[in-house]
Amino acid sequence: MFHADDVKRLIEDALPCEFVLIEGDDGIHFSGIVVSTTFAAKPRVRQHQMVYAALGDLIGGEIHALQLQTYTPEAWAEVRAAMDAA
């Protein structure tokens, strides 16, 4: 069984991240936000594949599901500004 902090650490170890938030309390289902400059000019599917690659064989095994939102730092700043304005 994994903890959200373990998943977060694995992602941060594999990708240069500006921000990572992983949540999940049952040990196999997680959701999260990952912000990285490496996502620039890449389609969302490729961004998610990069995060899944960081977790390797754990995805689909010990980690049953990971619902992701991925952003470049610029896109994340826009999302946060919109949330602050709401």
N, C-alpha and C. Protein backbone atom coordinates (compact mmCIF):
# COMPACT_ATOMS: atom_id res chain seq x y z
N MET A 1 0.84 -1.18 0.00
CA MET A 1 0.00 0.00 0.00
C MET A 1 0.89 1.24 0.00
N PHE A 2 0.55 2.21 -0.85
CA PHE A 2 1.31 3.44 -0.97
C PHE A 2 0.58 4.58 -0.27
N HIS A 3 1.34 5.57 0.11
CA HIS A 3 0.80 6.80 0.67
C HIS A 3 0.98 7.90 -0.37
N ALA A 4 0.17 8.91 -0.31
CA ALA A 4 0.25 10.02 -1.26
C ALA A 4 1.64 10.64 -1.25
N ASP A 5 2.27 10.75 -0.09
CA ASP A 5 3.62 11.32 -0.02
C ASP A 5 4.64 10.48 -0.78
N ASP A 6 4.45 9.16 -0.78
CA ASP A 6 5.35 8.27 -1.53
C ASP A 6 5.21 8.51 -3.03
N VAL A 7 3.99 8.65 -3.50
CA VAL A 7 3.74 8.90 -4.92
C VAL A 7 4.34 10.25 -5.30
N LYS A 8 4.12 11.24 -4.47
CA LYS A 8 4.67 12.58 -4.71
C LYS A 8 6.19 12.53 -4.82
N ARG A 9 6.83 11.84 -3.92
CA ARG A 9 8.30 11.75 -3.91
C ARG A 9 8.81 11.09 -5.18
N LEU A 10 8.17 10.02 -5.63
CA LEU A 10 8.58 9.34 -6.85
C LEU A 10 8.49 10.26 -8.07
N ILE A 11 7.43 11.04 -8.14
CA ILE A 11 7.27 11.98 -9.25
C ILE A 11 8.34 13.06 -9.19
N GLU A 12 8.54 13.62 -8.01
CA GLU A 12 9.54 14.68 -7.86
C GLU A 12 10.96 14.18 -8.13
N ASP A 13 11.23 12.93 -7.83
CA ASP A 13 12.55 12.37 -8.09
C ASP A 13 12.80 12.18 -9.58
N ALA A 14 11.74 11.98 -10.36
CA ALA A 14 11.89 11.68 -11.78
C ALA A 14 11.75 12.90 -12.70
N LEU A 15 11.02 13.91 -12.25
CA LEU A 15 10.76 15.08 -13.08
C LEU A 15 11.12 16.37 -12.34
N PRO A 16 11.63 17.36 -13.06
CA PRO A 16 11.81 18.66 -12.42
C PRO A 16 10.44 19.34 -12.26
N CYS A 17 9.97 19.44 -11.04
CA CYS A 17 8.62 19.94 -10.78
C CYS A 17 8.65 21.26 -10.04
N GLU A 18 7.74 22.14 -10.45
CA GLU A 18 7.53 23.39 -9.74
C GLU A 18 6.59 23.18 -8.55
N PHE A 19 5.66 22.24 -8.74
CA PHE A 19 4.64 21.99 -7.72
C PHE A 19 4.05 20.61 -7.95
N VAL A 20 3.86 19.87 -6.87
CA VAL A 20 3.20 18.56 -6.94
C VAL A 20 2.28 18.43 -5.74
N LEU A 21 1.04 18.07 -6.01
CA LEU A 21 0.07 17.79 -4.95
C LEU A 21 -0.57 16.45 -5.29
N ILE A 22 -0.40 15.48 -4.42
CA ILE A 22 -1.01 14.16 -4.60
C ILE A 22 -1.89 13.88 -3.40
N GLU A 23 -3.10 13.43 -3.67
CA GLU A 23 -4.04 13.08 -2.62
C GLU A 23 -4.56 11.67 -2.83
N GLY A 24 -4.94 11.04 -1.77
CA GLY A 24 -5.51 9.70 -1.82
C GLY A 24 -5.31 9.05 -0.47
N ASP A 25 -6.36 8.41 0.02
CA ASP A 25 -6.25 7.86 1.37
C ASP A 25 -6.52 6.35 1.45
N ASP A 26 -6.73 5.70 0.29
CA ASP A 26 -6.97 4.26 0.36
C ASP A 26 -5.75 3.44 -0.05
N GLY A 27 -4.66 4.11 -0.45
CA GLY A 27 -3.42 3.42 -0.77
C GLY A 27 -3.30 2.91 -2.19
N ILE A 28 -4.37 3.00 -2.98
CA ILE A 28 -4.29 2.51 -4.36
C ILE A 28 -4.89 3.48 -5.39
N HIS A 29 -5.74 4.41 -4.95
CA HIS A 29 -6.36 5.39 -5.84
C HIS A 29 -5.88 6.78 -5.43
N PHE A 30 -5.36 7.52 -6.42
CA PHE A 30 -4.80 8.83 -6.13
C PHE A 30 -5.27 9.84 -7.17
N SER A 31 -5.20 11.10 -6.80
CA SER A 31 -5.41 12.19 -7.74
C SER A 31 -4.36 13.24 -7.44
N GLY A 32 -4.06 14.03 -8.46
CA GLY A 32 -3.02 15.01 -8.21
C GLY A 32 -2.86 16.06 -9.29
N ILE A 33 -2.04 17.03 -8.93
CA ILE A 33 -1.65 18.13 -9.81
C ILE A 33 -0.13 18.09 -9.90
N VAL A 34 0.37 18.15 -11.13
CA VAL A 34 1.81 18.19 -11.35
C VAL A 34 2.11 19.37 -12.27
N VAL A 35 3.03 20.23 -11.85
CA VAL A 35 3.43 21.40 -12.62
C VAL A 35 4.91 21.27 -12.93
N SER A 36 5.24 21.29 -14.23
CA SER A 36 6.63 21.11 -14.63
C SER A 36 6.93 21.87 -15.93
N THR A 37 8.12 22.43 -16.01
CA THR A 37 8.55 23.09 -17.24
C THR A 37 8.72 22.09 -18.37
N THR A 38 8.94 20.82 -18.05
CA THR A 38 9.13 19.80 -19.09
C THR A 38 7.85 19.52 -19.86
N PHE A 39 6.72 20.02 -19.40
CA PHE A 39 5.45 19.82 -20.10
C PHE A 39 5.25 20.80 -21.24
N ALA A 40 6.09 21.81 -21.34
CA ALA A 40 5.93 22.85 -22.37
C ALA A 40 5.92 22.23 -23.76
N ALA A 41 4.98 22.68 -24.58
CA ALA A 41 4.84 22.27 -25.98
C ALA A 41 4.52 20.78 -26.15
N LYS A 42 4.07 20.14 -25.10
CA LYS A 42 3.69 18.73 -25.18
C LYS A 42 2.18 18.61 -24.97
N PRO A 43 1.53 17.74 -25.74
CA PRO A 43 0.09 17.54 -25.50
C PRO A 43 -0.16 16.91 -24.13
N ARG A 44 -1.34 17.11 -23.64
CA ARG A 44 -1.68 16.63 -22.30
C ARG A 44 -1.45 15.12 -22.15
N VAL A 45 -1.74 14.36 -23.20
CA VAL A 45 -1.53 12.90 -23.13
C VAL A 45 -0.05 12.61 -22.87
N ARG A 46 0.83 13.31 -23.56
CA ARG A 46 2.27 13.09 -23.37
C ARG A 46 2.70 13.52 -21.97
N GLN A 47 2.12 14.60 -21.45
CA GLN A 47 2.43 15.05 -20.09
C GLN A 47 2.08 13.96 -19.09
N HIS A 48 0.90 13.38 -19.24
CA HIS A 48 0.46 12.32 -18.33
C HIS A 48 1.36 11.09 -18.46
N GLN A 49 1.74 10.77 -19.70
CA GLN A 49 2.64 9.63 -19.90
C GLN A 49 3.97 9.84 -19.18
N MET A 50 4.45 11.07 -19.15
CA MET A 50 5.71 11.36 -18.46
C MET A 50 5.57 11.10 -16.95
N VAL A 51 4.44 11.47 -16.39
CA VAL A 51 4.21 11.23 -14.96
C VAL A 51 4.06 9.73 -14.70
N TYR A 52 3.30 9.05 -15.54
CA TYR A 52 3.14 7.60 -15.39
C TYR A 52 4.47 6.89 -15.50
N ALA A 53 5.33 7.35 -16.42
CA ALA A 53 6.66 6.75 -16.58
C ALA A 53 7.48 6.90 -15.30
N ALA A 54 7.28 8.00 -14.60
CA ALA A 54 8.00 8.22 -13.34
C ALA A 54 7.61 7.18 -12.30
N LEU A 55 6.41 6.65 -12.42
CA LEU A 55 5.92 5.66 -11.46
C LEU A 55 6.13 4.23 -11.94
N GLY A 56 6.51 4.08 -13.20
CA GLY A 56 6.88 2.78 -13.74
C GLY A 56 5.82 1.71 -13.57
N ASP A 57 6.26 0.53 -13.16
CA ASP A 57 5.39 -0.63 -13.02
C ASP A 57 4.38 -0.52 -11.88
N LEU A 58 4.51 0.51 -11.06
CA LEU A 58 3.55 0.68 -9.97
C LEU A 58 2.16 1.03 -10.50
N ILE A 59 2.13 1.75 -11.65
CA ILE A 59 0.85 2.11 -12.26
C ILE A 59 0.19 0.84 -12.80
N GLY A 60 -1.05 0.65 -12.43
CA GLY A 60 -1.77 -0.54 -12.84
C GLY A 60 -1.50 -1.74 -11.96
N GLY A 61 -0.58 -1.58 -11.03
CA GLY A 61 -0.27 -2.64 -10.08
C GLY A 61 -0.60 -2.16 -8.68
N GLU A 62 0.43 -1.77 -7.95
CA GLU A 62 0.23 -1.29 -6.58
C GLU A 62 -0.53 0.03 -6.54
N ILE A 63 -0.35 0.85 -7.57
CA ILE A 63 -1.13 2.08 -7.72
C ILE A 63 -2.18 1.78 -8.79
N HIS A 64 -3.41 1.59 -8.36
CA HIS A 64 -4.46 1.18 -9.28
C HIS A 64 -4.88 2.32 -10.21
N ALA A 65 -4.95 3.54 -9.69
CA ALA A 65 -5.40 4.66 -10.50
C ALA A 65 -4.76 5.96 -10.03
N LEU A 66 -4.46 6.82 -11.00
CA LEU A 66 -3.93 8.15 -10.72
C LEU A 66 -4.62 9.13 -11.66
N GLN A 67 -5.51 9.93 -11.13
CA GLN A 67 -6.18 10.96 -11.91
C GLN A 67 -5.31 12.20 -11.87
N LEU A 68 -4.92 12.71 -13.04
CA LEU A 68 -3.95 13.80 -13.11
C LEU A 68 -4.50 15.07 -13.73
N GLN A 69 -3.96 16.16 -13.24
CA GLN A 69 -4.06 17.45 -13.90
C GLN A 69 -2.62 17.91 -14.04
N THR A 70 -2.18 18.17 -15.27
CA THR A 70 -0.80 18.60 -15.49
C THR A 70 -0.79 19.99 -16.12
N TYR A 71 0.20 20.78 -15.72
CA TYR A 71 0.30 22.16 -16.19
C TYR A 71 1.77 22.55 -16.36
N THR A 72 1.99 23.48 -17.28
CA THR A 72 3.26 24.19 -17.28
C THR A 72 3.17 25.24 -16.18
N PRO A 73 4.29 25.81 -15.74
CA PRO A 73 4.20 26.86 -14.71
C PRO A 73 3.33 28.04 -15.14
N GLU A 74 3.38 28.40 -16.43
CA GLU A 74 2.58 29.52 -16.92
C GLU A 74 1.08 29.20 -16.87
N ALA A 75 0.72 28.01 -17.30
CA ALA A 75 -0.69 27.60 -17.26
C ALA A 75 -1.17 27.49 -15.82
N TRP A 76 -0.32 26.99 -14.94
CA TRP A 76 -0.68 26.88 -13.52
C TRP A 76 -0.92 28.25 -12.92
N ALA A 77 -0.10 29.23 -13.29
CA ALA A 77 -0.29 30.60 -12.79
C ALA A 77 -1.64 31.15 -13.23
N GLU A 78 -2.04 30.84 -14.46
CA GLU A 78 -3.35 31.29 -14.96
C GLU A 78 -4.49 30.63 -14.19
N VAL A 79 -4.37 29.34 -13.93
CA VAL A 79 -5.39 28.59 -13.17
C VAL A 79 -5.51 29.18 -11.76
N ARG A 80 -4.38 29.41 -11.12
CA ARG A 80 -4.41 29.96 -9.76
C ARG A 80 -4.99 31.36 -9.74
N ALA A 81 -4.66 32.18 -10.73
CA ALA A 81 -5.21 33.54 -10.81
C ALA A 81 -6.72 33.48 -10.96
N ALA A 82 -7.21 32.57 -11.80
CA ALA A 82 -8.65 32.42 -11.99
C ALA A 82 -9.34 31.96 -10.71
N MET A 83 -8.69 31.07 -9.97
CA MET A 83 -9.27 30.60 -8.71
C MET A 83 -9.29 31.73 -7.67
N ASP A 84 -8.25 32.55 -7.65
CA ASP A 84 -8.20 33.65 -6.71
C ASP A 84 -9.25 34.72 -7.03
N ALA A 85 -9.55 34.88 -8.32
CA ALA A 85 -10.53 35.88 -8.75
C ALA A 85 -11.97 35.43 -8.48
N ALA A 86 -12.16 34.13 -8.35
CA ALA A 86 -13.51 33.60 -8.16
C ALA A 86 -14.03 33.83 -6.75
